[in-house]
């Protein structure tokens, strides 16, 4: 089963992503591979984004608590947690590590490939807010990527809604 997933996945990892559906497909297949290889707990950020693209809304109490904590102490400089969310740097790093560990040829180390992929990914997850579940009792009610397609380049920001 792992080899079948890899064979289907690899052509998408070496070609520039042009459509949102390609991002969803890539991450859905990576999610399957994470499960098949029992690597889910070693790549938690990757697993989270693989799941996020498949849902209408997503929750992560741990992430909401981290963001809440950082939001309270925020100053002019962007803190590490928010920077990772905005730039997707931790996601990219885990993605590259996992694909390398699976001996899958890919282009994620190239900025041009990554930027196209990231822009399509953000379009997908901008339709899916991060919302609290019952185990979270903080002030944040929603976190959402917002895109601005006015210039054809995706400009995006994180919008945090609180009570």
N, C-alpha and C. Protein backbone atom coordinates (compact mmCIF):
# COMPACT_ATOMS: atom_id res chain seq x y z
N UNK A 1 0.81 -1.20 0.00
CA UNK A 1 0.00 0.00 0.00
C UNK A 1 0.86 1.27 0.00
N UNK A 2 1.94 1.28 0.80
CA UNK A 2 2.83 2.44 0.85
C UNK A 2 3.40 2.75 -0.54
N UNK A 3 3.86 1.73 -1.23
CA UNK A 3 4.45 1.94 -2.55
C UNK A 3 3.42 2.48 -3.55
N UNK A 4 2.18 2.01 -3.44
CA UNK A 4 1.13 2.51 -4.33
C UNK A 4 0.88 4.00 -4.09
N UNK A 5 0.85 4.39 -2.83
CA UNK A 5 0.66 5.80 -2.48
C UNK A 5 1.82 6.62 -3.02
N UNK A 6 3.04 6.15 -2.80
CA UNK A 6 4.22 6.87 -3.27
C UNK A 6 4.23 7.03 -4.79
N UNK A 7 3.86 5.97 -5.49
CA UNK A 7 3.83 6.04 -6.96
C UNK A 7 2.82 7.07 -7.45
N UNK A 8 1.67 7.15 -6.79
CA UNK A 8 0.66 8.13 -7.19
C UNK A 8 1.07 9.55 -6.80
N UNK A 9 1.77 9.67 -5.70
CA UNK A 9 2.12 10.98 -5.14
C UNK A 9 3.30 11.64 -5.83
N UNK A 10 4.32 10.88 -6.15
CA UNK A 10 5.58 11.46 -6.62
C UNK A 10 5.45 12.40 -7.83
N UNK A 11 4.65 12.09 -8.85
CA UNK A 11 4.55 13.04 -9.97
C UNK A 11 4.05 14.42 -9.55
N UNK A 12 3.23 14.48 -8.51
CA UNK A 12 2.71 15.76 -8.03
C UNK A 12 3.74 16.54 -7.23
N UNK A 13 4.75 15.85 -6.72
CA UNK A 13 5.77 16.48 -5.89
C UNK A 13 6.91 17.07 -6.72
N UNK A 14 6.91 16.79 -8.00
CA UNK A 14 8.01 17.26 -8.85
C UNK A 14 7.52 18.20 -9.95
N UNK A 15 6.25 18.56 -9.90
CA UNK A 15 5.64 19.45 -10.88
C UNK A 15 5.03 20.64 -10.15
N UNK A 16 5.20 21.83 -10.67
CA UNK A 16 4.63 23.03 -10.04
C UNK A 16 3.12 22.86 -9.86
N UNK A 17 2.65 23.18 -8.67
CA UNK A 17 1.23 23.08 -8.34
C UNK A 17 0.49 24.25 -8.99
N UNK A 18 -0.54 23.93 -9.76
CA UNK A 18 -1.31 24.96 -10.46
C UNK A 18 -2.72 25.11 -9.90
N UNK A 19 -3.23 24.09 -9.21
CA UNK A 19 -4.63 24.11 -8.77
C UNK A 19 -4.73 23.75 -7.29
N UNK A 20 -5.76 24.30 -6.67
CA UNK A 20 -6.00 23.99 -5.26
C UNK A 20 -6.24 22.50 -5.05
N UNK A 21 -6.93 21.86 -5.98
CA UNK A 21 -7.23 20.44 -5.83
C UNK A 21 -5.96 19.59 -5.79
N UNK A 22 -4.89 20.07 -6.41
CA UNK A 22 -3.62 19.34 -6.36
C UNK A 22 -3.04 19.39 -4.95
N UNK A 23 -3.16 20.52 -4.28
CA UNK A 23 -2.69 20.65 -2.90
C UNK A 23 -3.48 19.69 -2.00
N UNK A 24 -4.79 19.67 -2.17
CA UNK A 24 -5.62 18.79 -1.35
C UNK A 24 -5.23 17.33 -1.60
N UNK A 25 -5.04 16.97 -2.85
CA UNK A 25 -4.67 15.60 -3.19
C UNK A 25 -3.30 15.24 -2.58
N UNK A 26 -2.33 16.11 -2.74
CA UNK A 26 -0.99 15.85 -2.20
C UNK A 26 -1.06 15.62 -0.69
N UNK A 27 -1.76 16.50 0.01
CA UNK A 27 -1.82 16.38 1.47
C UNK A 27 -2.67 15.20 1.92
N UNK A 28 -3.69 14.86 1.17
CA UNK A 28 -4.49 13.67 1.51
C UNK A 28 -3.64 12.40 1.37
N UNK A 29 -2.86 12.34 0.32
CA UNK A 29 -1.99 11.16 0.12
C UNK A 29 -0.87 11.12 1.16
N UNK A 30 -0.33 12.28 1.51
CA UNK A 30 0.70 12.31 2.55
C UNK A 30 0.10 11.86 3.88
N UNK A 31 -1.13 12.27 4.15
CA UNK A 31 -1.81 11.84 5.38
C UNK A 31 -1.92 10.31 5.42
N UNK A 32 -2.30 9.71 4.30
CA UNK A 32 -2.38 8.24 4.23
C UNK A 32 -1.02 7.62 4.50
N UNK A 33 0.01 8.21 3.92
CA UNK A 33 1.37 7.70 4.09
C UNK A 33 1.84 7.85 5.54
N UNK A 34 1.48 8.96 6.17
CA UNK A 34 1.80 9.13 7.59
C UNK A 34 1.19 8.00 8.42
N UNK A 35 -0.05 7.66 8.13
CA UNK A 35 -0.73 6.59 8.86
C UNK A 35 -0.11 5.23 8.55
N UNK A 36 0.15 4.95 7.28
CA UNK A 36 0.71 3.67 6.87
C UNK A 36 2.09 3.41 7.49
N UNK A 37 2.86 4.47 7.66
CA UNK A 37 4.23 4.33 8.17
C UNK A 37 4.33 4.57 9.67
N UNK A 38 3.19 4.77 10.32
CA UNK A 38 3.16 5.05 11.77
C UNK A 38 4.05 6.24 12.15
N UNK A 39 4.05 7.26 11.32
CA UNK A 39 4.86 8.45 11.56
C UNK A 39 4.05 9.64 12.04
N UNK A 40 2.76 9.45 12.27
CA UNK A 40 1.88 10.58 12.63
C UNK A 40 2.40 11.36 13.83
N UNK A 41 2.87 10.69 14.85
CA UNK A 41 3.32 11.37 16.07
C UNK A 41 4.67 12.05 15.91
N UNK A 42 5.40 11.72 14.86
CA UNK A 42 6.70 12.34 14.61
C UNK A 42 6.60 13.60 13.75
N UNK A 43 5.44 13.79 13.14
CA UNK A 43 5.23 14.93 12.24
C UNK A 43 3.86 15.55 12.52
N UNK A 44 3.72 16.08 13.72
CA UNK A 44 2.41 16.57 14.18
C UNK A 44 1.92 17.79 13.39
N UNK A 45 2.81 18.69 13.04
CA UNK A 45 2.39 19.88 12.28
C UNK A 45 1.96 19.47 10.88
N UNK A 46 2.73 18.61 10.26
CA UNK A 46 2.38 18.10 8.93
C UNK A 46 1.03 17.39 8.98
N UNK A 47 0.83 16.55 9.97
CA UNK A 47 -0.44 15.84 10.13
C UNK A 47 -1.60 16.82 10.29
N UNK A 48 -1.38 17.88 11.07
CA UNK A 48 -2.42 18.87 11.29
C UNK A 48 -2.85 19.53 9.97
N UNK A 49 -1.90 19.98 9.17
CA UNK A 49 -2.23 20.63 7.90
C UNK A 49 -2.84 19.64 6.90
N UNK A 50 -2.36 18.40 6.92
CA UNK A 50 -2.96 17.38 6.05
C UNK A 50 -4.43 17.18 6.39
N UNK A 51 -4.76 17.26 7.66
CA UNK A 51 -6.15 17.12 8.09
C UNK A 51 -6.94 18.40 7.81
N UNK A 52 -6.31 19.54 8.01
CA UNK A 52 -6.99 20.82 7.88
C UNK A 52 -7.59 21.00 6.49
N UNK A 53 -6.88 20.59 5.45
CA UNK A 53 -7.38 20.79 4.08
C UNK A 53 -8.61 19.93 3.78
N UNK A 54 -8.88 18.95 4.61
CA UNK A 54 -9.99 18.03 4.37
C UNK A 54 -11.25 18.34 5.17
N UNK A 55 -11.23 19.42 5.94
CA UNK A 55 -12.35 19.73 6.83
C UNK A 55 -12.95 21.10 6.53
N UNK A 56 -14.21 21.25 6.89
CA UNK A 56 -14.88 22.54 6.75
C UNK A 56 -14.50 23.48 7.89
N UNK A 57 -14.17 22.91 9.04
CA UNK A 57 -13.61 23.66 10.14
C UNK A 57 -12.72 22.71 10.94
N UNK A 58 -11.78 23.28 11.64
CA UNK A 58 -10.77 22.48 12.32
C UNK A 58 -10.60 23.02 13.73
N UNK A 59 -10.18 22.15 14.65
CA UNK A 59 -9.87 22.65 15.99
C UNK A 59 -8.56 22.08 16.48
N UNK A 60 -7.91 22.86 17.30
CA UNK A 60 -6.67 22.47 17.94
C UNK A 60 -6.53 23.28 19.22
N UNK A 61 -7.03 22.75 20.33
CA UNK A 61 -6.95 23.50 21.59
C UNK A 61 -5.53 23.91 21.95
N UNK A 62 -4.56 23.04 21.70
CA UNK A 62 -3.17 23.37 22.02
C UNK A 62 -2.70 24.59 21.24
N UNK A 63 -2.98 24.62 19.94
CA UNK A 63 -2.58 25.74 19.11
C UNK A 63 -3.29 27.01 19.52
N UNK A 64 -4.58 26.92 19.81
CA UNK A 64 -5.33 28.10 20.26
C UNK A 64 -4.75 28.66 21.55
N UNK A 65 -4.37 27.78 22.48
CA UNK A 65 -3.79 28.24 23.74
C UNK A 65 -2.44 28.92 23.51
N UNK A 66 -1.62 28.36 22.62
CA UNK A 66 -0.34 28.99 22.30
C UNK A 66 -0.54 30.37 21.69
N UNK A 67 -1.48 30.47 20.77
CA UNK A 67 -1.75 31.75 20.11
C UNK A 67 -2.28 32.76 21.12
N UNK A 68 -3.18 32.31 21.98
CA UNK A 68 -3.74 33.19 23.01
C UNK A 68 -2.62 33.74 23.89
N UNK A 69 -1.73 32.86 24.32
CA UNK A 69 -0.62 33.27 25.19
C UNK A 69 0.28 34.28 24.47
N UNK A 70 0.60 34.03 23.22
CA UNK A 70 1.46 34.92 22.46
C UNK A 70 0.77 36.24 22.14
N UNK A 71 -0.54 36.19 21.91
CA UNK A 71 -1.30 37.40 21.61
C UNK A 71 -1.29 38.35 22.80
N UNK A 72 -1.36 37.80 24.00
CA UNK A 72 -1.37 38.61 25.21
C UNK A 72 -0.05 39.35 25.42
N UNK A 73 1.06 38.71 25.11
CA UNK A 73 2.35 39.34 25.35
C UNK A 73 2.95 39.97 24.10
N UNK A 74 2.18 40.05 23.06
CA UNK A 74 2.67 40.52 21.76
C UNK A 74 3.12 41.98 21.82
N UNK A 75 4.23 42.23 21.14
CA UNK A 75 4.70 43.59 20.98
C UNK A 75 4.89 43.84 19.48
N UNK A 76 5.75 44.79 19.10
CA UNK A 76 5.91 45.09 17.68
C UNK A 76 6.52 43.93 16.89
N UNK A 77 7.33 43.15 17.54
CA UNK A 77 7.96 42.02 16.84
C UNK A 77 7.01 40.83 16.80
N UNK A 78 7.03 40.14 15.66
CA UNK A 78 6.20 38.94 15.56
C UNK A 78 6.89 37.83 16.34
N UNK A 79 6.18 37.19 17.22
CA UNK A 79 6.76 36.12 18.02
C UNK A 79 6.90 34.85 17.20
N UNK A 80 7.61 33.89 17.74
CA UNK A 80 7.92 32.66 17.01
C UNK A 80 6.68 31.85 16.64
N UNK A 81 5.72 31.75 17.54
CA UNK A 81 4.52 30.96 17.26
C UNK A 81 3.74 31.56 16.10
N UNK A 82 3.51 32.87 16.15
CA UNK A 82 2.75 33.53 15.08
C UNK A 82 3.52 33.50 13.77
N UNK A 83 4.82 33.65 13.84
CA UNK A 83 5.63 33.61 12.62
C UNK A 83 5.51 32.26 11.93
N UNK A 84 5.54 31.19 12.72
CA UNK A 84 5.39 29.85 12.14
C UNK A 84 4.03 29.68 11.48
N UNK A 85 3.00 30.23 12.09
CA UNK A 85 1.66 30.11 11.52
C UNK A 85 1.57 30.91 10.22
N UNK A 86 2.08 32.12 10.24
CA UNK A 86 1.99 32.98 9.07
C UNK A 86 2.86 32.45 7.92
N UNK A 87 4.08 32.06 8.21
CA UNK A 87 5.00 31.64 7.14
C UNK A 87 4.89 30.16 6.80
N UNK A 88 4.26 29.39 7.67
CA UNK A 88 4.16 27.94 7.51
C UNK A 88 5.53 27.27 7.52
N UNK A 89 6.50 27.88 8.19
CA UNK A 89 7.87 27.37 8.18
C UNK A 89 8.02 25.99 8.81
N UNK A 90 7.35 25.76 9.93
CA UNK A 90 7.43 24.45 10.59
C UNK A 90 6.76 23.38 9.72
N UNK A 91 5.64 23.74 9.11
CA UNK A 91 4.96 22.83 8.20
C UNK A 91 5.88 22.46 7.04
N UNK A 92 6.52 23.45 6.43
CA UNK A 92 7.42 23.18 5.30
C UNK A 92 8.57 22.28 5.73
N UNK A 93 9.14 22.57 6.89
CA UNK A 93 10.27 21.77 7.38
C UNK A 93 9.87 20.32 7.60
N UNK A 94 8.75 20.08 8.26
CA UNK A 94 8.29 18.71 8.49
C UNK A 94 7.94 18.01 7.18
N UNK A 95 7.35 18.75 6.26
CA UNK A 95 7.01 18.20 4.95
C UNK A 95 8.26 17.72 4.23
N UNK A 96 9.29 18.55 4.20
CA UNK A 96 10.55 18.16 3.54
C UNK A 96 11.18 16.96 4.24
N UNK A 97 11.19 16.97 5.57
CA UNK A 97 11.78 15.86 6.33
C UNK A 97 11.05 14.55 6.06
N UNK A 98 9.73 14.61 6.10
CA UNK A 98 8.95 13.40 5.89
C UNK A 98 9.14 12.84 4.49
N UNK A 99 9.06 13.68 3.49
CA UNK A 99 9.22 13.21 2.10
C UNK A 99 10.62 12.66 1.87
N UNK A 100 11.61 13.28 2.47
CA UNK A 100 12.98 12.77 2.37
C UNK A 100 13.10 11.41 3.05
N UNK A 101 12.51 11.29 4.22
CA UNK A 101 12.53 10.02 4.95
C UNK A 101 11.85 8.90 4.16
N UNK A 102 10.85 9.28 3.34
CA UNK A 102 10.14 8.30 2.51
C UNK A 102 10.80 8.11 1.14
N UNK A 103 11.96 8.72 0.95
CA UNK A 103 12.69 8.65 -0.33
C UNK A 103 11.82 9.09 -1.50
N UNK A 104 11.04 10.14 -1.27
CA UNK A 104 10.20 10.68 -2.33
C UNK A 104 10.87 11.93 -2.90
N UNK A 105 11.15 11.88 -4.17
CA UNK A 105 11.72 13.06 -4.84
C UNK A 105 10.68 14.17 -4.78
N UNK A 106 11.13 15.38 -4.47
CA UNK A 106 10.19 16.50 -4.37
C UNK A 106 10.91 17.82 -4.57
N UNK A 107 10.12 18.86 -4.77
CA UNK A 107 10.65 20.19 -5.06
C UNK A 107 10.42 21.19 -3.92
N UNK A 108 10.07 20.73 -2.75
CA UNK A 108 9.73 21.65 -1.66
C UNK A 108 10.92 22.46 -1.16
N UNK A 109 12.11 22.05 -1.48
CA UNK A 109 13.27 22.85 -1.08
C UNK A 109 13.46 24.07 -1.96
N UNK A 110 12.83 24.07 -3.13
CA UNK A 110 12.93 25.20 -4.06
C UNK A 110 11.85 26.22 -3.72
N UNK A 111 12.25 27.47 -3.54
CA UNK A 111 11.30 28.51 -3.15
C UNK A 111 10.19 28.72 -4.16
N UNK A 112 10.48 28.63 -5.44
CA UNK A 112 9.43 28.83 -6.44
C UNK A 112 8.32 27.79 -6.28
N UNK A 113 8.71 26.53 -6.13
CA UNK A 113 7.73 25.46 -5.94
C UNK A 113 6.96 25.69 -4.64
N UNK A 114 7.71 25.93 -3.56
CA UNK A 114 7.10 26.12 -2.25
C UNK A 114 6.09 27.27 -2.27
N UNK A 115 6.47 28.40 -2.84
CA UNK A 115 5.58 29.57 -2.84
C UNK A 115 4.29 29.31 -3.60
N UNK A 116 4.37 28.63 -4.72
CA UNK A 116 3.14 28.28 -5.46
C UNK A 116 2.27 27.34 -4.63
N UNK A 117 2.89 26.34 -4.04
CA UNK A 117 2.17 25.38 -3.19
C UNK A 117 1.54 26.11 -2.01
N UNK A 118 2.33 26.93 -1.33
CA UNK A 118 1.85 27.65 -0.14
C UNK A 118 0.66 28.55 -0.50
N UNK A 119 0.73 29.25 -1.61
CA UNK A 119 -0.37 30.13 -2.01
C UNK A 119 -1.65 29.35 -2.25
N UNK A 120 -1.54 28.20 -2.89
CA UNK A 120 -2.73 27.37 -3.12
C UNK A 120 -3.23 26.78 -1.81
N UNK A 121 -2.32 26.37 -0.95
CA UNK A 121 -2.70 25.84 0.36
C UNK A 121 -3.47 26.88 1.16
N UNK A 122 -2.99 28.09 1.17
CA UNK A 122 -3.65 29.15 1.94
C UNK A 122 -5.04 29.42 1.38
N UNK A 123 -5.19 29.36 0.07
CA UNK A 123 -6.53 29.51 -0.51
C UNK A 123 -7.47 28.42 0.03
N UNK A 124 -6.97 27.20 0.10
CA UNK A 124 -7.79 26.08 0.58
C UNK A 124 -8.16 26.28 2.04
N UNK A 125 -7.18 26.54 2.90
CA UNK A 125 -7.48 26.61 4.34
C UNK A 125 -8.14 27.93 4.73
N UNK A 126 -8.12 28.92 3.84
CA UNK A 126 -8.82 30.17 4.16
C UNK A 126 -10.33 29.93 4.22
N UNK A 127 -10.79 28.84 3.61
CA UNK A 127 -12.21 28.48 3.64
C UNK A 127 -12.56 27.66 4.87
N UNK A 128 -11.58 27.39 5.69
CA UNK A 128 -11.77 26.48 6.83
C UNK A 128 -11.21 27.12 8.09
N UNK A 129 -12.05 27.73 8.91
CA UNK A 129 -11.54 28.38 10.12
C UNK A 129 -11.06 27.37 11.16
N UNK A 130 -10.13 27.82 11.95
CA UNK A 130 -9.69 27.08 13.12
C UNK A 130 -10.56 27.57 14.27
N UNK A 131 -11.35 26.68 14.84
CA UNK A 131 -12.31 27.05 15.88
C UNK A 131 -12.07 26.21 17.13
N UNK A 132 -12.47 26.72 18.28
CA UNK A 132 -12.26 25.95 19.51
C UNK A 132 -13.23 24.78 19.62
N UNK A 133 -12.81 23.78 20.37
CA UNK A 133 -13.73 22.71 20.72
C UNK A 133 -14.07 22.84 22.20
N UNK A 134 -14.77 21.87 22.75
CA UNK A 134 -15.24 21.97 24.13
C UNK A 134 -14.13 22.02 25.17
N UNK A 135 -12.93 21.53 24.83
CA UNK A 135 -11.85 21.52 25.82
C UNK A 135 -11.12 22.85 25.92
N UNK A 136 -11.44 23.78 25.04
CA UNK A 136 -10.80 25.11 25.07
C UNK A 136 -11.78 26.10 25.67
N UNK A 137 -11.34 26.87 26.67
CA UNK A 137 -12.23 27.84 27.30
C UNK A 137 -11.67 29.25 27.28
N UNK A 138 -10.82 29.55 26.31
CA UNK A 138 -10.23 30.88 26.20
C UNK A 138 -11.07 31.83 25.38
N UNK A 139 -10.54 33.03 25.14
CA UNK A 139 -11.31 34.08 24.45
C UNK A 139 -11.34 33.97 22.92
N UNK A 140 -10.48 33.18 22.32
CA UNK A 140 -10.43 33.10 20.86
C UNK A 140 -11.63 32.30 20.34
N UNK A 141 -12.34 32.86 19.39
CA UNK A 141 -13.50 32.17 18.82
C UNK A 141 -13.23 31.66 17.42
N UNK A 142 -12.23 32.21 16.75
CA UNK A 142 -11.92 31.76 15.39
C UNK A 142 -10.58 32.31 14.94
N UNK A 143 -9.85 31.49 14.20
CA UNK A 143 -8.64 31.92 13.53
C UNK A 143 -8.80 31.53 12.07
N UNK A 144 -8.51 32.47 11.20
CA UNK A 144 -8.74 32.21 9.78
C UNK A 144 -7.68 32.92 8.96
N UNK A 145 -7.22 32.24 7.92
CA UNK A 145 -6.39 32.91 6.92
C UNK A 145 -7.32 33.74 6.05
N UNK A 146 -6.91 34.96 5.76
CA UNK A 146 -7.67 35.82 4.85
C UNK A 146 -6.78 36.11 3.65
N UNK A 147 -7.35 35.97 2.48
CA UNK A 147 -6.57 36.22 1.27
C UNK A 147 -7.10 37.46 0.56
N UNK A 148 -6.21 38.08 -0.17
CA UNK A 148 -6.57 39.24 -0.98
C UNK A 148 -6.04 38.95 -2.38
N UNK A 149 -6.93 38.69 -3.31
CA UNK A 149 -6.54 38.29 -4.65
C UNK A 149 -6.49 39.46 -5.63
N UNK A 150 -6.51 40.66 -5.11
CA UNK A 150 -6.59 41.85 -5.93
C UNK A 150 -5.42 41.97 -6.92
N UNK A 151 -4.24 41.52 -6.53
CA UNK A 151 -3.05 41.69 -7.36
C UNK A 151 -2.55 40.40 -8.01
N UNK A 152 -3.36 39.37 -8.01
CA UNK A 152 -3.02 38.03 -8.51
C UNK A 152 -2.00 37.32 -7.63
N UNK A 153 -1.12 38.05 -6.97
CA UNK A 153 -0.28 37.42 -5.96
C UNK A 153 -1.13 37.34 -4.71
N UNK A 154 -1.03 36.24 -4.02
CA UNK A 154 -1.86 36.11 -2.82
C UNK A 154 -1.20 36.87 -1.69
N UNK A 155 -1.89 37.82 -1.20
CA UNK A 155 -1.50 38.49 0.03
C UNK A 155 -2.41 37.91 1.09
N UNK A 156 -1.86 37.49 2.17
CA UNK A 156 -2.70 36.88 3.18
C UNK A 156 -2.30 37.35 4.56
N UNK A 157 -3.22 37.17 5.46
CA UNK A 157 -2.97 37.51 6.85
C UNK A 157 -3.77 36.55 7.71
N UNK A 158 -3.42 36.53 8.97
CA UNK A 158 -4.14 35.73 9.95
C UNK A 158 -5.11 36.66 10.67
N UNK A 159 -6.35 36.24 10.76
CA UNK A 159 -7.34 37.03 11.48
C UNK A 159 -7.76 36.24 12.71
N UNK A 160 -7.61 36.85 13.86
CA UNK A 160 -7.97 36.22 15.12
C UNK A 160 -9.19 36.93 15.69
N UNK A 161 -10.27 36.20 15.89
CA UNK A 161 -11.49 36.75 16.44
C UNK A 161 -11.60 36.29 17.89
N UNK A 162 -11.84 37.24 18.77
CA UNK A 162 -11.97 36.93 20.21
C UNK A 162 -13.26 37.50 20.75
N UNK A 163 -13.66 36.96 21.90
CA UNK A 163 -14.85 37.51 22.58
C UNK A 163 -14.46 38.67 23.44
